[in-house]
């Protein structure tokens, strides 16, 4: 590990931001536990900030004895690991938020660190930021990533609703933060309409995709790399939890095989989210067995982010049957690799997939409808190729540099406003 002095962001940086990501680290393996799009978002935005001369300290909790005290993410970005409730689920972790906030304050004081703004991610980190502001930094921006009220409106069968505690905390954050960042226009409307946020403080900034990493790989090369043959191939990427709807993809696979595609396979990338006491992977294996396709579903587990382009490029389509998504990052990555998407019509996926242009969007949780749309792509390789090409063009509109530029503009505005208020107060 580098020395602390090597990791310390330059104090001459144009802005210094304390990033709070309490429940998960931006460097954690994707597809495991709670690790997913939020991890990618924090890592990519802070890396882009570093290129812009903006320094970030990312505060997360120790989850393993192997976690370092500090870790370099980029020249002007470091991850700070602090103790806070190891092996707790996200609801039990809420009780640790005051202690985690205190440890951030103590660390900053010992390091002589000062910040212009706090940027919190997810409702747990928002609670931490609420406790830290204004002592740690005068300004505060928050991004929810997912909203409890939205998730509760459309639950998978057997899924547990988000508790009243989370809803109450999200409501408080919506009223307290200086800036609320929404990934989509629909999320912005939910913050205002469902949580009562001031629309003047809500801004839509779409996440991005790493276009240097996520680009097409030749089909033959991609399949050799991941070790699959020439037959038709479906792909799911994400944490294994009920809201992702993987059972819908499995049942659609069963219908397609029964309809005359006996060589069709489904690759499932990701691990259990450990949301509750059940193993979603075990449940999905039982579903596959019940529908006679256990031998045609490969549970690959967690895959390194930089290896995903091989899987997207090898697949005939990426299936996203989610009951809720705040932003369809997987769909964006798939399209950047030229892979058409068949997914649910929830707002987060609809924001990045164009129905009948770059894939198909489905409003019903009906495996037969998914099977029909997937069948269209399998029966017409030219349609799939054209959708893939258009998906690549669409993905070019989204980049992490563009996301970081927009965020920096928002953050500079709120920091400057606070500075002007402070100057005015001193002159009175």
Protein backbone atom coordinates (compact mmCIF):
# COMPACT_ATOMS: atom_id res chain seq x y z
CA UNK A 1 0.00 0.00 0.00
CA UNK A 2 1.22 3.54 -0.77
CA UNK A 3 2.29 5.82 2.02
CA UNK A 4 -0.37 8.18 3.36
CA UNK A 5 1.53 11.18 2.04
CA UNK A 6 1.41 9.67 -1.45
CA UNK A 7 -2.36 9.30 -1.22
CA UNK A 8 -3.13 12.75 0.13
CA UNK A 9 -4.94 14.84 -2.48
CA UNK A 10 -3.23 18.09 -3.40
CA UNK A 11 -4.49 20.91 -1.21
CA UNK A 12 -4.34 23.20 -4.23
CA UNK A 13 -7.15 21.20 -5.86
CA UNK A 14 -9.92 23.38 -7.28
CA UNK A 15 -12.45 21.68 -4.97
CA UNK A 16 -12.23 19.13 -2.16
CA UNK A 17 -15.16 16.73 -1.68
CA UNK A 18 -15.89 14.25 1.12
CA UNK A 19 -17.69 11.34 -0.57
CA UNK A 20 -19.70 9.13 1.81
CA UNK A 21 -20.38 5.57 0.64
CA UNK A 22 -20.91 3.86 3.96
CA UNK A 23 -22.32 0.47 3.04
CA UNK A 24 -20.08 -0.44 0.09
CA UNK A 25 -16.65 0.43 -1.30
CA UNK A 26 -16.11 1.64 -4.89
CA UNK A 27 -13.34 -0.95 -5.26
CA UNK A 28 -15.39 -3.95 -4.05
CA UNK A 29 -16.04 -6.84 -6.49
CA UNK A 30 -19.25 -6.24 -8.44
CA UNK A 31 -22.26 -8.53 -8.23
CA UNK A 32 -21.55 -9.55 -4.64
CA UNK A 33 -23.66 -8.58 -1.62
CA UNK A 34 -24.79 -4.93 -2.13
CA UNK A 35 -22.13 -4.21 -4.75
CA UNK A 36 -23.38 -2.96 -8.10
CA UNK A 37 -24.06 0.22 -10.01
CA UNK A 38 -23.44 2.46 -6.99
CA UNK A 39 -19.88 1.15 -6.73
CA UNK A 40 -19.25 1.83 -10.40
CA UNK A 41 -20.76 5.31 -10.11
CA UNK A 42 -18.56 6.38 -7.18
CA UNK A 43 -15.40 4.94 -8.72
CA UNK A 44 -15.90 6.43 -12.17
CA UNK A 45 -17.07 9.87 -11.01
CA UNK A 46 -14.21 10.27 -8.53
CA UNK A 47 -11.69 9.13 -11.14
CA UNK A 48 -13.08 11.70 -13.59
CA UNK A 49 -13.03 14.36 -10.85
CA UNK A 50 -9.35 13.64 -10.31
CA UNK A 51 -8.64 14.30 -13.99
CA UNK A 52 -10.44 17.65 -13.57
CA UNK A 53 -8.35 18.69 -10.56
CA UNK A 54 -11.08 17.93 -8.00
CA UNK A 55 -9.90 15.99 -4.93
CA UNK A 56 -12.09 13.38 -3.24
CA UNK A 57 -11.82 11.38 -0.04
CA UNK A 58 -14.25 8.44 -0.18
CA UNK A 59 -15.33 7.21 3.24
CA UNK A 60 -16.54 3.62 3.45
CA UNK A 61 -16.60 0.92 6.10
CA UNK A 62 -14.22 -1.94 6.72
CA UNK A 63 -15.88 -5.18 5.57
CA UNK A 64 -12.92 -7.55 5.57
CA UNK A 65 -9.71 -8.01 7.56
CA UNK A 66 -7.91 -7.53 4.25
CA UNK A 67 -9.25 -4.01 3.72
CA UNK A 68 -6.46 -1.41 3.93
CA UNK A 69 -6.66 1.75 6.02
CA UNK A 70 -6.43 3.81 2.85
CA UNK A 71 -6.38 2.98 -0.84
CA UNK A 72 -5.51 5.09 -3.86
CA UNK A 73 -8.25 5.29 -6.49
CA UNK A 74 -6.77 8.06 -8.67
CA UNK A 75 -4.07 10.75 -8.26
CA UNK A 76 -6.53 13.04 -6.44
CA UNK A 77 -8.82 10.38 -4.98
CA UNK A 78 -8.40 7.96 -2.08
CA UNK A 79 -10.67 5.51 -0.27
CA UNK A 80 -10.69 5.73 3.54
CA UNK A 81 -11.78 2.56 5.38
CA UNK A 82 -13.29 3.05 8.84
CA UNK A 83 -14.88 0.53 11.23
CA UNK A 84 -18.69 0.41 11.29
CA UNK A 85 -20.80 -2.68 11.79
CA UNK A 86 -19.20 -5.48 9.82
CA UNK A 87 -21.53 -8.31 8.66
CA UNK A 88 -24.71 -6.29 9.22
CA UNK A 89 -27.52 -5.88 6.71
CA UNK A 90 -28.38 -2.39 5.55
CA UNK A 91 -31.19 -1.91 8.06
CA UNK A 92 -29.12 -2.99 11.07
CA UNK A 93 -26.33 -0.83 9.68
CA UNK A 94 -28.51 2.25 10.22
CA UNK A 95 -27.78 2.03 13.95
CA UNK A 96 -24.09 2.49 13.15
CA UNK A 97 -24.52 5.79 11.29
CA UNK A 98 -23.81 8.09 14.29
CA UNK A 99 -20.62 6.19 15.11
CA UNK A 100 -19.51 6.20 11.46
CA UNK A 101 -20.10 9.96 11.25
CA UNK A 102 -18.05 10.44 14.41
CA UNK A 103 -15.19 8.39 12.99
CA UNK A 104 -15.17 10.46 9.80
CA UNK A 105 -14.97 13.64 11.88
CA UNK A 106 -12.12 12.22 13.96
CA UNK A 107 -10.23 11.06 10.90
CA UNK A 108 -10.59 14.44 9.18
CA UNK A 109 -9.44 16.27 12.31
CA UNK A 110 -6.39 14.02 12.70
CA UNK A 111 -5.51 14.36 9.01
CA UNK A 112 -6.09 18.13 8.97
CA UNK A 113 -8.51 17.61 6.08
CA UNK A 114 -11.09 20.22 5.12
CA UNK A 115 -13.79 19.97 2.48
CA UNK A 116 -15.94 22.25 0.36
CA UNK A 117 -18.81 19.78 0.01
CA UNK A 118 -20.11 16.39 1.15
CA UNK A 119 -21.46 14.06 -1.55
CA UNK A 120 -23.48 11.18 -0.03
CA UNK A 121 -24.64 8.02 -1.79
CA UNK A 122 -27.75 6.04 -0.76
CA UNK A 123 -29.97 6.71 2.22
CA UNK A 124 -27.58 5.30 4.83
CA UNK A 125 -24.78 7.59 3.70
CA UNK A 126 -27.25 10.46 3.53
CA UNK A 127 -28.00 9.99 7.23
CA UNK A 128 -24.24 10.14 7.92
CA UNK A 129 -23.90 13.32 5.86
CA UNK A 130 -26.84 14.88 7.70
CA UNK A 131 -24.94 14.35 10.96
CA UNK A 132 -21.68 15.73 9.56
CA UNK A 133 -22.94 18.92 7.92
CA UNK A 134 -21.95 21.71 8.52
CA UNK A 135 -18.96 20.75 10.69
CA UNK A 136 -17.21 18.65 8.03
CA UNK A 137 -18.22 20.81 5.07
CA UNK A 138 -20.59 23.75 4.58
CA UNK A 139 -22.41 22.25 1.55
CA UNK A 140 -24.04 18.89 0.92
CA UNK A 141 -25.21 17.05 -2.20
CA UNK A 142 -27.02 13.71 -2.07
CA UNK A 143 -27.91 11.02 -4.59
CA UNK A 144 -30.36 8.28 -3.62
CA UNK A 145 -29.48 5.68 -6.32
CA UNK A 146 -32.76 3.95 -5.43
CA UNK A 147 -35.89 5.20 -3.66
CA UNK A 148 -37.83 3.05 -1.20
CA UNK A 149 -41.26 4.35 -2.18
CA UNK A 150 -40.59 3.57 -5.84
CA UNK A 151 -39.36 0.04 -5.06
CA UNK A 152 -42.42 -0.65 -2.88
CA UNK A 153 -44.86 0.20 -5.67
CA UNK A 154 -43.72 -2.77 -7.74
CA UNK A 155 -42.47 -5.69 -5.68
CA UNK A 156 -41.57 -9.13 -6.93
CA UNK A 157 -43.60 -11.99 -5.50
CA UNK A 158 -42.17 -12.85 -2.09
CA UNK A 159 -40.01 -9.71 -1.87
CA UNK A 160 -39.99 -7.75 1.37
CA UNK A 161 -41.07 -4.09 1.12
CA UNK A 162 -38.69 -1.34 2.15
CA UNK A 163 -39.39 -0.42 5.81
CA UNK A 164 -40.94 2.80 7.07
CA UNK A 165 -37.56 3.77 8.58
CA UNK A 166 -35.95 4.05 5.18
CA UNK A 167 -38.86 6.01 3.73
CA UNK A 168 -38.74 8.47 6.65
CA UNK A 169 -34.98 8.96 6.32
CA UNK A 170 -35.25 9.51 2.56
CA UNK A 171 -37.94 12.13 3.19
CA UNK A 172 -35.71 13.95 5.66
CA UNK A 173 -32.79 13.90 3.24
CA UNK A 174 -34.99 15.29 0.47
CA UNK A 175 -35.70 18.32 2.65
CA UNK A 176 -32.25 18.83 4.16
CA UNK A 177 -29.65 18.41 1.39
CA UNK A 178 -28.53 21.50 -0.53
CA UNK A 179 -28.57 19.56 -3.81
CA UNK A 180 -30.42 16.40 -4.79
CA UNK A 181 -28.96 14.58 -7.80
CA UNK A 182 -31.39 12.41 -9.79
CA UNK A 183 -30.27 10.01 -12.50
CA UNK A 184 -33.45 10.39 -14.57
CA UNK A 185 -36.28 12.86 -15.04
CA UNK A 186 -38.67 10.29 -13.54
CA UNK A 187 -36.56 10.07 -10.39
CA UNK A 188 -36.55 13.87 -10.17
CA UNK A 189 -40.35 13.91 -10.31
CA UNK A 190 -40.51 11.25 -7.58
CA UNK A 191 -38.29 13.30 -5.28
CA UNK A 192 -40.57 16.29 -5.71
CA UNK A 193 -43.95 14.57 -5.85
CA UNK A 194 -43.50 11.66 -3.43
CA UNK A 195 -40.94 13.11 -1.01
CA UNK A 196 -41.77 16.81 -1.16
CA UNK A 197 -38.34 18.02 -2.28
CA UNK A 198 -37.94 21.61 -3.45
CA UNK A 199 -37.73 21.36 -7.27
CA UNK A 200 -35.19 24.20 -7.28
CA UNK A 201 -32.74 21.89 -5.49
CA UNK A 202 -33.25 18.80 -7.69
CA UNK A 203 -31.05 18.32 -10.75
CA UNK A 204 -30.94 15.50 -13.28
CA UNK A 205 -27.44 14.26 -14.08
CA UNK A 206 -27.33 10.98 -15.99
CA UNK A 207 -24.61 8.46 -15.10
CA UNK A 208 -22.23 7.32 -17.81
CA UNK A 209 -20.39 4.34 -19.22
CA UNK A 210 -16.65 3.79 -19.72
CA UNK A 211 -16.55 3.85 -23.51
CA UNK A 212 -12.89 2.82 -23.64
CA UNK A 213 -13.65 -0.41 -21.76
CA UNK A 214 -17.17 -1.15 -22.98
CA UNK A 215 -16.90 -1.61 -26.73
CA UNK A 216 -17.59 -4.53 -29.04
CA UNK A 217 -15.31 -7.57 -29.12
CA UNK A 218 -15.50 -10.00 -32.04
CA UNK A 219 -18.10 -12.69 -31.34
CA UNK A 220 -15.70 -15.61 -31.87
CA UNK A 221 -12.98 -14.04 -29.73
CA UNK A 222 -15.46 -13.16 -26.96
CA UNK A 223 -16.86 -16.69 -26.84
CA UNK A 224 -13.40 -18.25 -26.76
CA UNK A 225 -12.48 -15.92 -23.90
CA UNK A 226 -15.46 -16.89 -21.73
CA UNK A 227 -15.49 -20.53 -22.78
CA UNK A 228 -18.83 -20.96 -24.53
CA UNK A 229 -19.70 -22.57 -27.84
CA UNK A 230 -21.53 -21.35 -30.93
CA UNK A 231 -25.13 -21.83 -29.76
CA UNK A 232 -27.59 -19.02 -28.93
CA UNK A 233 -26.79 -17.28 -25.67
CA UNK A 234 -28.75 -15.06 -23.27
CA UNK A 235 -27.11 -12.97 -20.55
CA UNK A 236 -28.13 -11.54 -17.19
CA UNK A 237 -25.78 -9.26 -15.24
CA UNK A 238 -26.48 -8.01 -11.72
CA UNK A 239 -26.90 -8.83 -8.06
CA UNK A 240 -29.10 -11.84 -7.39
CA UNK A 241 -32.16 -10.52 -5.59
CA UNK A 242 -35.86 -10.86 -6.26
CA UNK A 243 -36.30 -7.34 -7.65
CA UNK A 244 -33.99 -8.21 -10.57
CA UNK A 245 -36.53 -10.72 -11.91
CA UNK A 246 -34.03 -13.40 -12.95
CA UNK A 247 -36.74 -16.05 -12.56
CA UNK A 248 -38.60 -14.37 -15.44
CA UNK A 249 -35.54 -14.84 -17.66
CA UNK A 250 -35.28 -18.50 -16.62
CA UNK A 251 -38.93 -19.16 -17.42
CA UNK A 252 -38.57 -17.38 -20.78
CA UNK A 253 -35.58 -19.62 -21.51
CA UNK A 254 -37.71 -22.67 -20.75
CA UNK A 255 -40.42 -21.52 -23.19
CA UNK A 256 -37.89 -20.83 -25.94
CA UNK A 257 -36.22 -24.22 -25.54
CA UNK A 258 -39.59 -25.96 -25.61
CA UNK A 259 -40.49 -24.01 -28.76
CA UNK A 260 -37.58 -25.46 -30.70
CA UNK A 261 -34.32 -23.98 -29.41
CA UNK A 262 -32.87 -26.84 -27.37
CA UNK A 263 -29.32 -25.42 -27.48
CA UNK A 264 -30.26 -22.03 -25.98
CA UNK A 265 -28.40 -21.17 -22.77
CA UNK A 266 -28.57 -18.44 -20.12
CA UNK A 267 -25.50 -17.07 -18.32
CA UNK A 268 -26.25 -15.47 -14.95
CA UNK A 269 -23.48 -13.15 -13.76
CA UNK A 270 -23.62 -12.02 -10.14
CA UNK A 271 -23.83 -13.31 -6.58
CA UNK A 272 -26.39 -13.28 -3.80
CA UNK A 273 -27.23 -9.86 -2.41
CA UNK A 274 -27.86 -11.47 1.01
CA UNK A 275 -30.99 -9.35 1.25
CA UNK A 276 -32.77 -11.10 4.09
CA UNK A 277 -32.12 -14.68 5.13
CA UNK A 278 -32.79 -16.46 1.83
CA UNK A 279 -30.29 -17.34 -0.87
CA UNK A 280 -31.62 -16.00 -4.15
CA UNK A 281 -29.15 -18.13 -6.08
CA UNK A 282 -30.50 -21.30 -4.44
CA UNK A 283 -34.07 -20.18 -5.15
CA UNK A 284 -33.24 -19.52 -8.81
CA UNK A 285 -31.60 -22.93 -9.15
CA UNK A 286 -34.83 -24.44 -7.85
CA UNK A 287 -36.83 -22.43 -10.39
CA UNK A 288 -34.57 -23.64 -13.20
CA UNK A 289 -34.93 -27.24 -12.00
CA UNK A 290 -38.72 -26.92 -11.75
CA UNK A 291 -38.96 -25.71 -15.36
CA UNK A 292 -36.56 -28.35 -16.66
CA UNK A 293 -33.70 -26.04 -17.65
CA UNK A 294 -31.26 -26.39 -14.74
CA UNK A 295 -28.62 -27.77 -17.13
CA UNK A 296 -29.05 -24.78 -19.44
CA UNK A 297 -28.54 -22.04 -16.84
CA UNK A 298 -24.96 -21.30 -15.83
CA UNK A 299 -24.50 -19.36 -12.58
CA UNK A 300 -21.12 -17.80 -13.30
CA UNK A 301 -20.80 -15.74 -10.14
CA UNK A 302 -19.12 -12.37 -9.82
CA UNK A 303 -17.05 -11.22 -12.82
CA UNK A 304 -14.44 -8.44 -12.86
CA UNK A 305 -15.87 -5.27 -14.39
CA UNK A 306 -13.23 -5.07 -17.12
CA UNK A 307 -14.13 -8.61 -18.28
CA UNK A 308 -17.83 -7.84 -18.81
CA UNK A 309 -17.37 -6.64 -22.44
CA UNK A 310 -16.49 -10.23 -23.43
CA UNK A 311 -19.79 -11.49 -22.01
CA UNK A 312 -21.86 -8.70 -23.56
CA UNK A 313 -20.16 -9.24 -26.93
CA UNK A 314 -20.67 -13.01 -26.78
CA UNK A 315 -24.40 -12.81 -25.98
CA UNK A 316 -27.27 -12.62 -28.46
CA UNK A 317 -29.11 -10.36 -26.02
CA UNK A 318 -28.94 -9.05 -22.49
CA UNK A 319 -32.07 -9.69 -20.42
CA UNK A 320 -33.10 -7.15 -17.74
CA UNK A 321 -36.50 -8.16 -16.27
CA UNK A 322 -36.17 -5.86 -13.24
CA UNK A 323 -39.15 -4.81 -11.15
CA UNK A 324 -37.34 -1.55 -10.34
CA UNK A 325 -34.20 0.22 -11.61
CA UNK A 326 -33.15 3.78 -10.89
CA UNK A 327 -30.79 3.74 -13.88
CA UNK A 328 -30.09 0.94 -16.34
CA UNK A 329 -26.29 0.89 -16.16
CA UNK A 330 -26.11 -2.75 -17.28
CA UNK A 331 -28.27 -1.91 -20.31
CA UNK A 332 -25.96 0.96 -21.18
CA UNK A 333 -22.86 -1.23 -20.89
CA UNK A 334 -24.48 -3.94 -23.02
CA UNK A 335 -25.44 -1.47 -25.75
CA UNK A 336 -21.95 0.06 -25.74
CA UNK A 337 -20.74 -3.44 -26.63
CA UNK A 338 -23.32 -3.79 -29.42
CA UNK A 339 -25.60 -6.17 -27.49
CA UNK A 340 -29.37 -5.57 -27.80
CA UNK A 341 -31.36 -5.44 -24.57
CA UNK A 342 -34.70 -7.06 -23.71
CA UNK A 343 -35.84 -5.50 -20.46
CA UNK A 344 -38.71 -4.24 -18.39
CA UNK A 345 -40.20 -0.85 -19.10
CA UNK A 346 -39.30 0.64 -15.71
CA UNK A 347 -38.02 4.20 -15.88
CA UNK A 348 -34.36 3.45 -15.17
CA UNK A 349 -34.12 1.03 -18.10
CA UNK A 350 -36.35 3.12 -20.34
CA UNK A 351 -33.95 6.03 -19.86
CA UNK A 352 -31.17 4.17 -21.72
CA UNK A 353 -32.92 1.61 -23.96
CA UNK A 354 -35.06 2.65 -26.92
CA UNK A 355 -37.96 0.27 -27.53
CA UNK A 356 -37.80 -1.41 -30.97
CA UNK A 357 -34.66 0.63 -31.74
CA UNK A 358 -31.87 -0.70 -29.51
CA UNK A 359 -33.89 -3.53 -27.95
CA UNK A 360 -37.33 -4.28 -26.57
CA UNK A 361 -39.05 -2.91 -23.48
CA UNK A 362 -41.79 -4.93 -21.80
CA UNK A 363 -44.32 -3.55 -19.34
CA UNK A 364 -45.60 -6.90 -18.07
CA UNK A 365 -43.77 -9.41 -15.86
CA UNK A 366 -44.76 -12.13 -18.29
CA UNK A 367 -42.11 -14.70 -19.31
CA UNK A 368 -44.04 -15.47 -22.51
CA UNK A 369 -43.71 -11.85 -23.69
CA UNK A 370 -39.99 -11.92 -22.95
CA UNK A 371 -39.68 -15.21 -24.84
CA UNK A 372 -41.48 -13.72 -27.84
CA UNK A 373 -39.22 -10.64 -28.00
CA UNK A 374 -36.04 -12.65 -27.47
CA UNK A 375 -37.22 -15.02 -30.19
CA UNK A 376 -37.46 -12.14 -32.64
CA UNK A 377 -33.77 -11.39 -32.12
CA UNK A 378 -32.74 -15.04 -32.35
CA UNK A 379 -34.77 -15.56 -35.55
CA UNK A 380 -33.45 -12.40 -37.25
CA UNK A 381 -29.69 -11.89 -36.78
CA UNK A 382 -29.80 -8.80 -38.99
CA UNK A 383 -32.39 -7.18 -36.71
CA UNK A 384 -30.18 -7.99 -33.72
CA UNK A 385 -27.13 -6.56 -35.52
CA UNK A 386 -28.93 -3.32 -36.41
CA UNK A 387 -30.22 -2.90 -32.86
CA UNK A 388 -26.68 -3.49 -31.61
CA UNK A 389 -25.29 -0.81 -33.91
CA UNK A 390 -27.93 1.68 -32.85
CA UNK A 391 -27.27 0.80 -29.21
CA UNK A 392 -23.60 1.63 -29.66
CA UNK A 393 -24.53 5.03 -31.09
CA UNK A 394 -26.90 5.69 -28.19
CA UNK A 395 -24.24 4.78 -25.63
CA UNK A 396 -21.91 7.42 -27.07
CA UNK A 397 -24.17 10.06 -25.54
CA UNK A 398 -23.28 8.85 -22.05
CA UNK A 399 -19.79 9.24 -20.65
CA UNK A 400 -18.45 9.57 -17.12
CA UNK A 401 -16.55 12.71 -18.10
CA UNK A 402 -19.82 14.34 -19.10
CA UNK A 403 -21.40 13.21 -15.82
CA UNK A 404 -18.48 14.60 -13.81
CA UNK A 405 -18.51 17.90 -15.72
CA UNK A 406 -22.18 18.40 -14.93
CA UNK A 407 -21.74 17.46 -11.28
CA UNK A 408 -18.76 19.81 -10.93
CA UNK A 409 -20.87 22.62 -12.34
CA UNK A 410 -23.64 21.92 -9.81
CA UNK A 411 -21.24 21.58 -6.90
CA UNK A 412 -19.31 24.73 -7.74
CA UNK A 413 -22.55 26.67 -7.84
CA UNK A 414 -23.67 25.59 -4.36
CA UNK A 415 -20.17 26.09 -2.89
CA UNK A 416 -19.93 29.56 -4.41
CA UNK A 417 -23.37 30.45 -3.09
CA UNK A 418 -22.35 29.40 0.42
CA UNK A 419 -19.12 31.41 0.16
CA UNK A 420 -21.07 34.52 -0.85
CA UNK A 421 -23.45 34.05 2.09
CA UNK A 422 -20.52 33.70 4.49
CA UNK A 423 -18.86 36.85 3.13
CA UNK A 424 -22.14 38.73 3.49
CA UNK A 425 -22.51 37.56 7.09
CA UNK A 426 -18.98 38.73 7.94
CA UNK A 427 -19.70 42.18 6.48
CA UNK A 428 -22.83 42.68 8.53
